């Protein structure tokens, strides 16, 4: 050592000791906190990635909570609908029992009507009281609202689900490219009556088959009247015009048919095949895409829209109609971020007695005392049709809610759980301490720190060798 003013060896040892102590402090911090990144200086890029993943984890956690809340809401609605369904089945039994009029006294019919009134009152009570955290679920509160909808365009219209970005009105364009038709056959003659031997006709439709016998003097008007009198049991209607009589299926579509055949006597039938004819389903486009059709009953579903409606006679005639969905529905945020893609919506129609049924048949409320279809009415055929329609509507709603609960919500929760696991694993890999590696780093830093301290002491003592040189003088 020839110089004492600048101890280079000491400076080197000091620098090494400082670095080793810093590494030791870093290892101690990581081991004590369990985090590999405690400040931005530890890993700037890693910190950014870690915070982004933490934000994603938070979003996923909230999405799972949202989905569970949605599951609870749908479950509550399903509970109310289950009881409504049970009541409707009991109502159906009462209607059927009352139809057995020969075995019931007036007092028994009145007692049945009392039960019907009680059932309808209970249905309305359930519709008005089923709620979740104060929000009514079955009173139409979550039904979609529409604009530019008229009976001249649609017999019925149900919006089951619709995504409305930013709560704007969604335009729905319905274009009938081919009209639905009714199966029909005809008999043509030169006179307005049979004018010959008696005949027996077998008339068949979707509702059933009946045989009718007519005297040779019967007119076509009389034949048509007789067939119309039993149309509820055959599903066939007839109309006479002079020397012609036309037989039609009661409803539109390829699944509806009419068949007329002479069992005895001569009665020529034109149209169809061997006296049987079926109708055709309408061909309809909704927003440019093909919809499913059963006669004039149309169903359309895509990722953003689920509707079903019945074409009116005017719209079925190859027309086009545009209506708007202006709002409504139950909206649930099921994604880690707030986007329209991650939003799920479903409509829940009212199940009150004034909503179940339809305008053509009548509504469930008409079965109450004094109503057009009360148990005291002459025929209970319409009453049972209304009840059956109500049962179908409630069961369809339950099915939609069940599918939404199982697939949309349930599958979303499962997928979010996997996403949370992966995001947590990625964030842990970036930010969490690897104890196996870090304990090795700690041991190394401790040894190096101790070694640097020893070397520094030696380096600080080295300049004292200059005293030996001075002692020689």
Foldseek 3Di string as FASTA:
>chain_A
DPDDVDLPLLVVLVVLLVVLVVLLVLLVVQVVVQWQDPDCVSPVVLVVLLVVLVLLLVLLVVLLVLLVVVLVLLVLVLVLLVVLLVLLVVLLVLLVVLQVVVVDDPVRLVVSLVSLQVSLVVLQVSQAPRDDPPHRDFAQQQFFDKPPDDCQWFQDKGWWFFQDVVLAKDKKKKFFQAFWWWWKKKFADPFQFQQDAKWWKWKAKPQGIDIDIDGSGGGLQNVQVVCCVCCNRHQKHWDGDGRMIMITGNATAQRIKIAMDIPDDDTDMDHDPNRMTGIHWIWMDMVNHTWDTGGQWTWDDDPGTTMITGGHPNNSPRGMDMMIGRDGFDKTQNHSDDDSNRITTTGRGHLRQQPQFGDVLHGNVQCHPPRPQDSPHPDNPSVSVSSVSSSVVSVVSSVVSVCCSCPVSVVSSVVSVVVSVVSVVVSCVSIGDPVVVSVVSSVVSVVSSVVSVVSSVVSSCVVVVVVVVVVVD
